[in-house]
Protein backbone atom coordinates (compact mmCIF):
# COMPACT_ATOMS: atom_id res chain seq x y z
CA UNK A 1 38.49 53.92 22.54
CA UNK A 2 35.45 52.19 23.95
CA UNK A 3 33.43 53.08 20.87
CA UNK A 4 36.01 51.35 18.70
CA UNK A 5 36.17 48.17 20.79
CA UNK A 6 32.44 47.54 21.06
CA UNK A 7 31.85 46.79 17.36
CA UNK A 8 34.98 44.68 17.31
CA UNK A 9 33.80 42.64 20.32
CA UNK A 10 30.31 42.34 18.80
CA UNK A 11 31.61 40.92 15.54
CA UNK A 12 34.05 38.66 17.33
CA UNK A 13 31.25 37.23 19.47
CA UNK A 14 29.01 36.87 16.41
CA UNK A 15 31.73 34.98 14.59
CA UNK A 16 32.16 32.68 17.60
CA UNK A 17 28.42 31.98 17.68
CA UNK A 18 28.40 31.34 13.95
CA UNK A 19 31.43 29.11 14.32
CA UNK A 20 29.68 27.07 16.98
CA UNK A 21 26.52 26.78 14.85
CA UNK A 22 28.50 25.71 11.78
CA UNK A 23 30.37 23.15 13.89
CA UNK A 24 27.12 21.79 15.31
CA UNK A 25 25.56 21.61 11.86
CA UNK A 26 28.64 19.82 10.54
CA UNK A 27 28.58 17.36 13.43
CA UNK A 28 24.85 16.81 12.90
CA UNK A 29 25.41 16.21 9.19
CA UNK A 30 28.24 13.76 9.93
CA UNK A 31 25.97 12.03 12.44
CA UNK A 32 23.22 11.72 9.82
CA UNK A 33 25.73 10.26 7.37
CA UNK A 34 26.91 7.80 10.01
CA UNK A 35 23.47 6.60 11.15
CA UNK A 36 22.22 6.30 7.57
CA UNK A 37 25.16 4.10 6.58
CA UNK A 38 23.41 0.75 6.95
CA UNK A 39 25.80 -2.17 6.71
CA UNK A 40 24.68 -5.27 4.77
CA UNK A 41 24.12 -8.48 6.77
CA UNK A 42 26.73 -11.19 7.01
CA UNK A 43 26.14 -14.03 4.53
CA UNK A 44 28.30 -17.13 4.89
CA UNK A 45 27.41 -18.69 1.54
CA UNK A 46 27.20 -16.33 -1.44
CA UNK A 47 27.39 -19.03 -4.10
CA UNK A 48 23.90 -18.08 -5.29
CA UNK A 49 25.43 -14.99 -6.89
CA UNK A 50 26.88 -17.22 -9.61
CA UNK A 51 23.45 -18.48 -10.68
CA UNK A 52 22.46 -17.53 -14.22
CA UNK A 53 19.01 -16.70 -15.55
CA UNK A 54 17.90 -18.78 -18.53
CA UNK A 55 15.20 -18.22 -21.13
CA UNK A 56 14.02 -21.65 -22.39
CA UNK A 57 11.12 -20.04 -24.28
CA UNK A 58 10.14 -16.47 -25.13
CA UNK A 59 8.53 -14.87 -22.06
CA UNK A 60 9.73 -17.55 -19.62
CA UNK A 61 12.78 -17.06 -17.40
CA UNK A 62 14.16 -19.79 -15.16
CA UNK A 63 16.86 -20.48 -12.59
CA UNK A 64 16.68 -24.18 -11.76
CA UNK A 65 13.11 -24.89 -10.63
CA UNK A 66 12.44 -21.18 -10.09
CA UNK A 67 10.69 -19.16 -12.78
CA UNK A 68 9.12 -15.89 -13.89
CA UNK A 69 6.55 -15.36 -16.65
CA UNK A 70 3.91 -12.85 -17.67
CA UNK A 71 0.40 -14.22 -17.81
CA UNK A 72 -2.04 -13.42 -20.57
CA UNK A 73 -3.98 -11.65 -17.81
CA UNK A 74 -1.23 -9.03 -17.58
CA UNK A 75 -0.03 -10.26 -14.17
CA UNK A 76 3.55 -11.41 -13.68
CA UNK A 77 3.91 -14.78 -11.94
CA UNK A 78 7.04 -15.83 -10.09
CA UNK A 79 8.15 -18.86 -8.09
CA UNK A 80 11.19 -18.70 -5.79
CA UNK A 81 12.67 -21.18 -3.34
CA UNK A 82 15.67 -21.77 -1.11
CA UNK A 83 17.19 -20.17 1.98
CA UNK A 84 16.97 -16.44 2.63
CA UNK A 85 19.91 -15.07 0.63
CA UNK A 86 19.51 -17.63 -2.15
CA UNK A 87 15.84 -16.93 -2.80
CA UNK A 88 16.52 -13.19 -2.57
CA UNK A 89 19.21 -13.47 -5.25
CA UNK A 90 16.94 -15.66 -7.40
CA UNK A 91 14.06 -13.22 -6.97
CA UNK A 92 16.36 -10.37 -8.01
CA UNK A 93 17.86 -12.13 -11.03
CA UNK A 94 14.49 -13.32 -12.33
CA UNK A 95 12.78 -9.93 -11.91
CA UNK A 96 15.72 -7.53 -12.33
CA UNK A 97 13.97 -5.41 -14.95
CA UNK A 98 10.83 -5.17 -12.81
CA UNK A 99 12.85 -4.14 -9.75
CA UNK A 100 14.67 -1.43 -11.65
CA UNK A 101 11.53 -0.16 -13.36
CA UNK A 102 9.67 -0.08 -10.04
CA UNK A 103 12.40 2.08 -8.52
CA UNK A 104 12.21 4.36 -11.56
CA UNK A 105 8.48 4.79 -10.96
CA UNK A 106 8.99 5.35 -7.23
CA UNK A 107 11.64 8.01 -7.74
CA UNK A 108 9.53 9.68 -10.45
CA UNK A 109 6.83 10.14 -7.82
CA UNK A 110 9.38 11.48 -5.32
CA UNK A 111 10.60 13.96 -7.95
CA UNK A 112 7.04 15.24 -8.34
CA UNK A 113 6.64 15.64 -4.60
CA UNK A 114 10.15 17.02 -3.91
CA UNK A 115 11.55 18.61 -7.10
CA UNK A 116 14.76 19.97 -5.49
CA UNK A 117 17.71 17.56 -5.84
CA UNK A 118 19.51 19.30 -2.95
CA UNK A 119 16.50 18.81 -0.71
CA UNK A 120 16.21 15.19 -1.81
CA UNK A 121 19.86 14.72 -0.88
CA UNK A 122 19.23 16.21 2.55
CA UNK A 123 16.09 14.09 3.03
CA UNK A 124 18.17 11.01 2.37
CA UNK A 125 20.02 11.64 5.61
CA UNK A 126 16.89 12.63 7.50
CA UNK A 127 15.27 9.33 6.53
CA UNK A 128 18.55 7.63 7.37
CA UNK A 129 18.34 9.13 10.86
CA UNK A 130 14.69 8.12 11.16
CA UNK A 131 15.57 4.57 10.09
CA UNK A 132 18.78 4.47 12.14
CA UNK A 133 17.55 1.45 14.12
CA UNK A 134 15.66 -0.23 11.29
CA UNK A 135 18.16 -3.07 10.94
CA UNK A 136 17.63 -3.93 14.61
CA UNK A 137 13.94 -4.58 13.95
CA UNK A 138 14.25 -6.72 10.83
CA UNK A 139 14.98 -10.41 11.31
CA UNK A 140 18.34 -11.77 10.04
CA UNK A 141 16.41 -13.91 7.54
CA UNK A 142 14.65 -10.96 5.93
CA UNK A 143 17.78 -8.81 5.95
CA UNK A 144 19.58 -11.53 4.03
CA UNK A 145 16.67 -11.96 1.60
CA UNK A 146 16.49 -8.20 0.97
CA UNK A 147 20.28 -8.11 0.53
CA UNK A 148 19.98 -10.88 -2.08
CA UNK A 149 17.25 -8.98 -3.95
CA UNK A 150 19.27 -5.76 -3.80
CA UNK A 151 22.08 -7.29 -5.88
CA UNK A 152 19.83 -6.73 -8.91
CA UNK A 153 18.79 -3.16 -8.06
CA UNK A 154 19.46 -0.23 -10.38
CA UNK A 155 22.90 1.40 -10.62
CA UNK A 156 21.28 4.81 -11.20
CA UNK A 157 20.39 5.84 -7.66
CA UNK A 158 23.64 5.79 -5.75
CA UNK A 159 22.95 9.36 -4.61
CA UNK A 160 20.04 7.98 -2.56
CA UNK A 161 22.06 5.18 -0.96
CA UNK A 162 23.61 1.81 -1.60
CA UNK A 163 21.45 -0.82 -3.27
CA UNK A 164 20.91 -2.61 0.03
CA UNK A 165 20.10 0.61 1.91
CA UNK A 166 17.54 1.60 -0.70
CA UNK A 167 15.72 -1.72 -0.97
CA UNK A 168 15.64 -2.08 2.82
CA UNK A 169 14.36 1.46 3.35
CA UNK A 170 11.69 1.07 0.66
CA UNK A 171 10.09 -1.53 2.91
CA UNK A 172 9.39 1.19 5.48
CA UNK A 173 8.37 3.89 2.98
CA UNK A 174 4.67 3.16 3.48
CA UNK A 175 5.05 3.36 7.25
CA UNK A 176 6.97 6.66 7.19
CA UNK A 177 4.59 8.40 4.81
CA UNK A 178 1.54 7.04 6.60
CA UNK A 179 2.78 8.06 10.04
CA UNK A 180 4.37 11.44 9.38
CA UNK A 181 1.65 12.85 7.15
CA UNK A 182 -1.29 10.49 7.72
CA UNK A 183 -1.48 10.28 3.94
CA UNK A 184 -3.74 7.23 4.19
CA UNK A 185 -2.32 6.00 0.91
CA UNK A 186 -3.63 2.63 2.00
CA UNK A 187 -7.34 3.31 2.65
CA UNK A 188 -8.29 -0.34 2.23
CA UNK A 189 -11.42 -2.42 2.70
CA UNK A 190 -11.46 -6.10 3.69
CA UNK A 191 -14.03 -8.57 5.00
CA UNK A 192 -14.68 -12.24 5.58
CA UNK A 193 -17.61 -14.64 5.92
CA UNK A 194 -17.93 -18.21 7.15
CA UNK A 195 -20.49 -20.61 8.65
CA UNK A 196 -24.05 -19.50 7.94
CA UNK A 197 -22.80 -16.27 6.31
CA UNK A 198 -21.16 -18.26 3.46
CA UNK A 199 -23.19 -20.28 1.01
CA UNK A 200 -20.97 -23.37 1.42
CA UNK A 201 -20.15 -22.53 5.10
CA UNK A 202 -16.42 -22.23 4.35
CA UNK A 203 -14.29 -19.14 4.93
CA UNK A 204 -14.14 -16.49 2.18
CA UNK A 205 -11.91 -13.40 2.51
CA UNK A 206 -12.06 -10.39 0.19
CA UNK A 207 -9.91 -7.26 0.13
CA UNK A 208 -9.20 -4.10 -1.86
CA UNK A 209 -5.65 -2.80 -1.53
CA UNK A 210 -6.34 0.87 -2.22
CA UNK A 211 -2.73 1.94 -2.40
CA UNK A 212 -1.85 4.80 -4.73
CA UNK A 213 1.56 6.30 -5.50
CA UNK A 214 1.01 6.95 -9.18
CA UNK A 215 -0.47 4.91 -12.02
CA UNK A 216 2.91 3.57 -13.12
CA UNK A 217 3.56 1.99 -9.73
CA UNK A 218 0.61 -0.39 -10.23
CA UNK A 219 1.53 -1.43 -13.77
CA UNK A 220 3.71 -4.46 -13.03
CA UNK A 221 2.04 -6.54 -10.33
CA UNK A 222 3.69 -9.82 -9.35
CA UNK A 223 1.85 -12.86 -8.02
CA UNK A 224 4.63 -14.43 -5.99
CA UNK A 225 4.74 -18.10 -5.00
CA UNK A 226 7.44 -18.71 -2.37
CA UNK A 227 8.86 -21.98 -1.08
CA UNK A 228 11.19 -20.88 1.74
CA UNK A 229 13.61 -23.32 3.32
CA UNK A 230 12.06 -22.53 6.71
CA UNK A 231 8.34 -22.05 7.34
CA UNK A 232 5.36 -22.57 5.08
CA UNK A 233 4.97 -22.08 1.35
CA UNK A 234 2.90 -19.02 0.55
CA UNK A 235 1.64 -16.70 -2.18
CA UNK A 236 1.35 -12.92 -2.12
CA UNK A 237 0.57 -10.07 -4.49
CA UNK A 238 3.60 -7.81 -4.65
CA UNK A 239 5.87 -5.73 -6.92
CA UNK A 240 9.51 -5.71 -7.96
CA UNK A 241 12.00 -5.63 -5.09
CA UNK A 242 9.39 -5.97 -2.32
CA UNK A 243 9.51 -9.07 -0.10
CA UNK A 244 6.93 -7.80 2.41
CA UNK A 245 3.30 -8.92 2.36
CA UNK A 246 0.16 -6.81 2.00
CA UNK A 247 -2.15 -9.61 0.76
CA UNK A 248 -1.28 -13.29 0.96
CA UNK A 249 -2.18 -16.90 1.84
CA UNK A 250 0.01 -19.82 2.87
CA UNK A 251 -0.21 -23.55 2.25
CA UNK A 252 -2.04 -24.07 5.57
CA UNK A 253 -4.87 -21.80 4.45
CA UNK A 254 -3.87 -18.88 6.65
CA UNK A 255 -4.44 -15.45 5.07
CA UNK A 256 -3.14 -12.00 5.99
CA UNK A 257 -4.24 -8.61 4.68
CA UNK A 258 -3.33 -5.21 6.14
CA UNK A 259 -5.45 -2.07 6.63
CA UNK A 260 -3.90 1.22 7.75
CA UNK A 261 -5.21 3.06 10.81
CA UNK A 262 -4.58 6.63 11.95
CA UNK A 263 -1.22 6.97 13.72
CA UNK A 264 0.63 9.47 15.86
CA UNK A 265 3.96 10.87 14.66
CA UNK A 266 6.63 8.27 15.56
CA UNK A 267 10.00 8.97 17.15
CA UNK A 268 11.96 6.26 15.39
CA UNK A 269 11.76 3.18 13.23
CA UNK A 270 10.61 -0.31 14.13
CA UNK A 271 9.55 -3.35 12.11
CA UNK A 272 7.79 -2.38 8.86
CA UNK A 273 4.17 -3.49 8.82
CA UNK A 274 4.64 -5.54 5.65
CA UNK A 275 7.44 -7.58 7.23
CA UNK A 276 5.27 -8.37 10.25
CA UNK A 277 2.58 -9.60 7.85
CA UNK A 278 5.21 -11.59 5.94
CA UNK A 279 6.41 -13.30 9.11
CA UNK A 280 2.86 -14.24 10.07
CA UNK A 281 2.23 -15.68 6.61
CA UNK A 282 5.47 -17.65 6.56
CA UNK A 283 5.39 -19.02 10.11
CA UNK A 284 1.78 -19.22 11.36
CA UNK A 285 -0.75 -21.94 10.59
CA UNK A 286 -3.61 -20.65 12.76
CA UNK A 287 -4.89 -17.52 14.46
CA UNK A 288 -3.16 -18.07 17.81
CA UNK A 289 0.23 -18.43 16.15
CA UNK A 290 -0.42 -15.29 14.11
CA UNK A 291 -1.24 -13.33 17.27
CA UNK A 292 1.94 -14.56 18.97
CA UNK A 293 4.09 -13.33 16.08
CA UNK A 294 2.34 -9.94 16.01
CA UNK A 295 2.92 -9.56 19.76
CA UNK A 296 6.63 -10.25 19.34
CA UNK A 297 7.26 -7.34 16.95
CA UNK A 298 7.39 -3.61 17.62
CA UNK A 299 5.83 -1.35 14.98
CA UNK A 300 5.90 2.43 14.60
CA UNK A 301 2.52 2.89 12.90
CA UNK A 302 -0.97 1.61 13.66
CA UNK A 303 -2.34 -1.20 11.54
CA UNK A 304 -5.10 -3.78 11.36
CA UNK A 305 -4.15 -7.30 10.29
CA UNK A 306 -7.18 -9.27 9.11
CA UNK A 307 -6.13 -12.89 9.61
CA UNK A 308 -8.23 -15.73 8.21
CA UNK A 309 -7.58 -19.36 9.07
CA UNK A 310 -8.76 -22.57 7.41
CA UNK A 311 -7.85 -24.46 10.58
CA UNK A 312 -10.08 -22.19 12.69
CA UNK A 313 -12.64 -21.59 9.89
CA UNK A 314 -12.95 -17.97 10.95
CA UNK A 315 -11.14 -14.65 10.86
CA UNK A 316 -10.15 -12.05 13.44
CA UNK A 317 -8.49 -8.64 13.28
CA UNK A 318 -5.20 -8.08 15.08
CA UNK A 319 -5.15 -4.36 15.90
CA UNK A 320 -1.67 -3.11 16.66
CA UNK A 321 -0.17 0.28 17.54
CA UNK A 322 3.41 1.16 18.53
CA UNK A 323 2.39 0.64 22.18
CA UNK A 324 -0.51 -1.78 22.27
CA UNK A 325 -2.19 -4.80 20.69
CA UNK A 326 -5.79 -5.94 20.84
CA UNK A 327 -7.89 -8.56 19.09
CA UNK A 328 -11.24 -7.86 17.47
CA UNK A 329 -13.40 -10.97 17.26
CA UNK A 330 -16.99 -10.13 16.34
CA UNK A 331 -18.27 -13.48 17.64
CA UNK A 332 -20.42 -13.92 14.56
CA UNK A 333 -19.96 -15.46 11.10
CA UNK A 334 -18.63 -12.34 9.38
CA UNK A 335 -15.99 -9.68 9.94
CA UNK A 336 -15.52 -6.24 8.36
CA UNK A 337 -12.48 -3.96 8.30
CA UNK A 338 -11.92 -0.48 6.88
CA UNK A 339 -9.50 2.03 8.44
CA UNK A 340 -10.48 2.35 12.07
CA UNK A 341 -10.08 0.11 15.11
CA UNK A 342 -13.03 -1.84 16.56
CA UNK A 343 -11.67 -3.63 19.64
CA UNK A 344 -12.78 -2.71 23.16
CA UNK A 345 -9.47 -1.05 24.06
CA UNK A 346 -8.07 0.47 20.87
CA UNK A 347 -11.50 1.32 19.50
CA UNK A 348 -12.04 3.87 22.28
CA UNK A 349 -8.75 5.77 22.00
CA UNK A 350 -8.74 9.49 21.22
CA UNK A 351 -6.96 9.08 17.90
CA UNK A 352 -9.38 6.37 16.76
CA UNK A 353 -12.35 8.56 17.66
CA UNK A 354 -10.80 11.34 15.60
CA UNK A 355 -10.50 8.97 12.65
CA UNK A 356 -14.15 7.96 13.02
CA UNK A 357 -15.24 11.60 13.10
CA UNK A 358 -13.07 12.92 10.27
CA UNK A 359 -12.38 10.15 7.75
CA UNK A 360 -14.36 8.16 5.18
CA UNK A 361 -13.75 4.91 7.07
CA UNK A 362 -17.05 4.62 9.06
CA UNK A 363 -19.17 5.49 6.00
CA UNK A 364 -17.40 2.81 3.94
CA UNK A 365 -17.89 0.37 6.82
CA UNK A 366 -21.64 1.08 6.83
CA UNK A 367 -21.86 0.57 3.08
CA UNK A 368 -19.96 -2.71 3.39
CA UNK A 369 -22.39 -3.80 6.11
CA UNK A 370 -25.36 -3.03 3.86
CA UNK A 371 -23.93 -4.99 0.95
CA UNK A 372 -23.26 -8.07 3.06
CA UNK A 373 -26.72 -7.95 4.65
CA UNK A 374 -28.52 -7.47 1.34
CA UNK A 375 -26.69 -10.13 -0.67
CA UNK A 376 -27.64 -13.24 1.30
CA UNK A 377 -25.12 -16.05 2.00
CA UNK A 378 -21.80 -15.07 0.50
CA UNK A 379 -19.95 -16.60 -2.46
CA UNK A 380 -16.75 -15.75 -4.33
CA UNK A 381 -18.77 -14.00 -7.06
CA UNK A 382 -20.69 -11.95 -4.48
CA UNK A 383 -17.45 -11.06 -2.73
CA UNK A 384 -16.03 -9.70 -5.98
CA UNK A 385 -19.25 -7.82 -6.68
CA UNK A 386 -18.91 -6.12 -3.29
CA UNK A 387 -15.26 -5.24 -3.89
CA UNK A 388 -16.33 -3.60 -7.17
CA UNK A 389 -19.18 -1.55 -5.67
CA UNK A 390 -18.85 2.17 -6.47
CA UNK A 391 -22.00 3.48 -4.79
CA UNK A 392 -22.79 5.06 -1.44
CA UNK A 393 -25.23 4.18 1.32
CA UNK A 394 -28.55 2.77 0.07
CA UNK A 395 -27.05 2.55 -3.42
CA UNK A 396 -26.92 6.31 -3.88
CA UNK A 397 -24.78 7.73 -6.69
CA UNK A 398 -21.91 9.55 -4.94
CA UNK A 399 -19.77 9.95 -8.04
CA UNK A 400 -17.13 7.53 -9.29
CA UNK A 401 -13.86 7.52 -7.38
CA UNK A 402 -15.32 8.65 -4.04
CA UNK A 403 -13.25 7.59 -1.02
CA UNK A 404 -16.46 6.63 0.77
CA UNK A 405 -17.15 3.86 -1.75
CA UNK A 406 -15.85 0.32 -1.27
CA UNK A 407 -14.39 0.62 -4.77
CA UNK A 408 -12.56 3.96 -4.94
CA UNK A 409 -11.10 3.19 -8.40
CA UNK A 410 -7.51 3.53 -7.15
CA UNK A 411 -6.81 -0.06 -6.08
CA UNK A 412 -3.36 -1.52 -6.66
CA UNK A 413 -5.08 -4.91 -6.53
CA UNK A 414 -8.02 -6.81 -5.11
CA UNK A 415 -7.88 -10.39 -3.86
CA UNK A 416 -10.33 -13.09 -2.80
CA UNK A 417 -9.22 -16.12 -0.76
CA UNK A 418 -10.86 -19.50 -0.19
CA UNK A 419 -8.50 -20.82 2.51
CA UNK A 420 -9.98 -24.30 2.87
CA UNK A 421 -9.78 -24.93 -0.88
CA UNK A 422 -6.43 -23.07 -1.18
CA UNK A 423 -7.78 -21.00 -4.04
CA UNK A 424 -7.04 -17.31 -4.58
CA UNK A 425 -8.49 -14.86 -7.10
CA UNK A 426 -6.42 -11.82 -8.14
CA UNK A 427 -7.82 -8.83 -9.99
CA UNK A 428 -6.53 -7.63 -13.34
CA UNK A 429 -6.43 -4.09 -14.74
CA UNK A 430 -8.02 -1.64 -14.65
CA UNK A 431 -8.09 -1.59 -10.86
CA UNK A 432 -10.43 -4.39 -9.71
CA UNK A 433 -12.71 -4.11 -12.76
CA UNK A 434 -10.87 -6.54 -15.03
CA UNK A 435 -11.11 -10.32 -14.81
CA UNK A 436 -10.34 -12.04 -11.49
CA UNK A 437 -8.07 -14.99 -12.31
CA UNK A 438 -7.86 -18.00 -10.02
CA UNK A 439 -4.76 -19.79 -8.73
CA UNK A 440 -5.00 -23.23 -7.11
CA UNK A 441 -2.12 -23.36 -4.63
CA UNK A 442 -2.33 -27.15 -4.38
CA UNK A 443 -1.48 -27.40 -8.08
CA UNK A 444 1.09 -24.62 -8.20
CA UNK A 445 3.10 -25.82 -5.22
CA UNK A 446 3.21 -29.32 -6.71
CA UNK A 447 4.88 -28.07 -9.91
CA UNK A 448 8.47 -29.16 -10.43
CA UNK A 449 9.50 -26.03 -12.24
CA UNK A 450 8.17 -24.79 -15.57
CA UNK A 451 9.61 -26.17 -18.79
CA UNK A 452 7.24 -24.31 -21.09
CA UNK A 453 5.65 -20.87 -21.04
CA UNK A 454 2.15 -22.08 -20.20
CA UNK A 455 -0.71 -20.51 -18.29
CA UNK A 456 -0.95 -21.61 -14.65
CA UNK A 457 -4.29 -20.03 -13.75
CA UNK A 458 -7.30 -22.29 -13.22
CA UNK A 459 -9.37 -20.90 -16.10
CA UNK A 460 -12.51 -22.78 -15.05
CA UNK A 461 -12.83 -20.39 -12.10
CA UNK A 462 -12.13 -17.08 -13.89
CA UNK A 463 -14.57 -14.32 -12.93
CA UNK A 464 -15.57 -12.07 -15.83
CA UNK A 465 -14.69 -8.38 -16.01
CA UNK A 466 -17.12 -5.83 -14.55
CA UNK A 467 -19.78 -4.62 -16.97
CA UNK A 468 -19.05 -1.06 -15.77
CA UNK A 469 -16.13 -1.06 -18.21
CA UNK A 470 -18.55 -1.00 -21.17
CA UNK A 471 -20.60 1.97 -19.98
CA UNK A 472 -20.50 5.67 -20.94
CA UNK A 473 -20.15 6.44 -17.21
CA UNK A 474 -16.79 4.68 -17.11
CA UNK A 475 -15.58 6.40 -20.26
CA UNK A 476 -16.51 9.73 -18.68
CA UNK A 477 -14.73 8.77 -15.47
CA UNK A 478 -11.58 8.12 -17.48
CA UNK A 479 -11.85 11.67 -18.82
CA UNK A 480 -12.34 12.99 -15.29
CA UNK A 481 -9.44 10.92 -13.99
CA UNK A 482 -7.09 12.26 -16.66
CA UNK A 483 -8.19 15.84 -16.04
CA UNK A 484 -7.74 15.43 -12.29
CA UNK A 485 -4.15 14.29 -12.71
CA UNK A 486 -3.46 16.96 -15.31
CA UNK A 487 -4.63 19.55 -12.77
CA UNK A 488 -2.53 17.97 -9.99
CA UNK A 489 0.53 18.15 -12.27
CA UNK A 490 -0.03 21.86 -12.87
CA UNK A 491 -1.72 21.57 -16.26
CA UNK A 492 -4.78 23.35 -17.62
CA UNK A 493 -8.31 21.97 -17.44
CA UNK A 494 -11.84 22.98 -18.39
CA UNK A 495 -13.88 23.29 -15.18
CA UNK A 496 -17.15 22.62 -17.03
CA UNK A 497 -15.68 19.50 -18.66
CA UNK A 498 -14.41 18.35 -15.28
CA UNK A 499 -17.84 18.35 -13.65
CA UNK A 500 -19.61 17.06 -16.76
CA UNK A 501 -17.40 13.97 -16.70
CA UNK A 502 -18.32 13.07 -13.10
CA UNK A 503 -21.44 15.12 -12.22
CA UNK A 504 -22.25 13.45 -8.88
CA UNK A 505 -18.71 13.76 -7.53
CA UNK A 506 -17.99 16.49 -4.97
CA UNK A 507 -14.34 16.20 -5.99
CA UNK A 508 -15.09 17.31 -9.55
CA UNK A 509 -16.70 20.52 -8.29
CA UNK A 510 -14.06 21.10 -5.62
CA UNK A 511 -11.17 20.75 -8.09
CA UNK A 512 -12.94 22.94 -10.63
CA UNK A 513 -13.33 25.57 -7.91
CA UNK A 514 -9.71 25.22 -6.81
CA UNK A 515 -8.52 25.61 -10.39
CA UNK A 516 -10.41 28.88 -10.84
CA UNK A 517 -9.49 30.11 -7.36
CA UNK A 518 -5.77 29.72 -8.09
CA UNK A 519 -6.30 31.82 -11.21
CA UNK A 520 -7.99 34.45 -8.98
CA UNK A 521 -11.29 33.95 -10.79
CA UNK A 522 -13.05 33.94 -7.42
CA UNK A 523 -16.59 34.68 -8.55
CA UNK A 524 -16.42 31.93 -11.15
CA UNK A 525 -15.12 29.48 -8.52
CA UNK A 526 -17.92 30.22 -6.04
CA UNK A 527 -20.79 28.26 -7.70
CA UNK A 528 -18.56 25.19 -8.07
CA UNK A 529 -17.74 25.25 -4.36
CA UNK A 530 -21.39 25.70 -3.44
CA UNK A 531 -22.38 22.79 -5.67
CA UNK A 532 -19.67 20.63 -4.08
CA UNK A 533 -21.37 21.09 -0.69
CA UNK A 534 -24.52 19.47 -2.07
CA UNK A 535 -22.64 16.24 -2.84
CA UNK A 536 -21.34 13.42 -0.63
CA UNK A 537 -17.97 14.74 0.59
CA UNK A 538 -15.45 12.10 1.67
CA UNK A 539 -13.68 13.79 4.61
CA UNK A 540 -14.21 16.56 7.14
CA UNK A 541 -10.97 18.22 6.02
CA UNK A 542 -12.23 18.52 2.44
CA UNK A 543 -15.57 19.93 3.56
CA UNK A 544 -13.77 22.47 5.73
CA UNK A 545 -11.54 23.43 2.80
CA UNK A 546 -14.58 24.11 0.61
CA UNK A 547 -16.36 26.12 3.31
CA UNK A 548 -13.26 28.22 3.98
CA UNK A 549 -12.90 29.02 0.30
CA UNK A 550 -16.55 30.09 0.12
CA UNK A 551 -16.11 32.30 3.19
CA UNK A 552 -12.97 33.89 1.73
CA UNK A 553 -14.67 34.64 -1.58
CA UNK A 554 -17.83 36.07 -0.03
CA UNK A 555 -15.80 38.45 2.15
CA UNK A 556 -14.14 39.77 -0.99
CA UNK A 557 -17.50 40.75 -2.47
């Protein structure tokens, strides 16, 4: 009898354990659904929803004094005004097609990274859990503005979340990806000069926003001019559906640009970096006010905010982590920023030392230092020349597209600010090699709407396109670039053609080796890996990868 009961008891206990596990999983799933169900903010006056977009001329869209047009430069230009919900609705109605297309591009990239729809569905709730407290860290004003924008979002992505949930969460997408995987999708370079370091002694700020989530994502850039009911008028370079700021200047001549720094894995959400930058731009007129705003917000990734001020005629870097804040003031007439901290406190942390030892940031910083020292007193033209520089230390050829170069040929945009004059130059495609067109904020903010589809740039200050565009080297880089992405998408390439198109690039040899290695053509891959080690390699991780592959192949011999 005992022999009969034992199996019965075993299976009964197993079923109980399984029952408990299933119950826990169900409760966990229900919890994820609950925490990811973000409620929209309360809006007392929703009359803006009845506003209608007009098209007085082909290519020009208006709602009252607000407008959207596409410049001959290829940049979209938009002006919005009003209180939070109203300007959000206007933004959404004017740029509805751009918002929906941008989400298409974003989800296309997600589909490449996570092909399984079931896993995407699960990740929706994981991100919902991660962002469970996000609404508590976004100001009521920005929640209402995002809610207004979301009214024009696509109807095609309900499986991801409601329109409001999606647009809100997209504002923290950079922070989540940066923190959880240290993707460094924003490996930016920025710098400023003033006093004796500038030819006319006034402040000049330059920055590359080296943000890459696919070529399509950078197609439709928007130069936004905002006239909020509260705070200062400002401009920023953005994209459809995004109210945060990565590069911008306000009517008081205060500028903000952000540079990512290495972060630890966070335990929960806080204020997205771009919304902290937006608040500084909208509500600060000098450096002290910018610092006060940064101190008041909790973030869950590490970031450098380079803040320039016409009032102070200088710039500083606000370095902020989830737990600390420090200010880097070089006490000279220039300031440089790549992707590591420089302040006395945060510059000596373990994670910052790791970044210095392993990343391309210190090399790029050294190259930036050389360029500023060798060019004499700075000007707008010289600033743009530096932002376009593709070479390594001492002008060495390190291959086009190297992460160690100031110009990595992946930039979403580049910007130059003259805060005292309230002028801003924005790059045009491709990357920062096309023309830099100039906007005079004094003129633009004095416009009483647009009645005709006319150019608003100040053409007298346009900076010509880079001569690199007309060279065989650039044509070859285009071939390399296309082959690189074909390889990354699982397509076939010619290893010899890959390296011939970018012969000084370690990446060309490394990818050629990887391609052959995956095909188990180990002996053919070996010389490509060995050649890669003779080139300027961007990161320690990539060098280690190459060395490990060589060691694996040689042990097979």
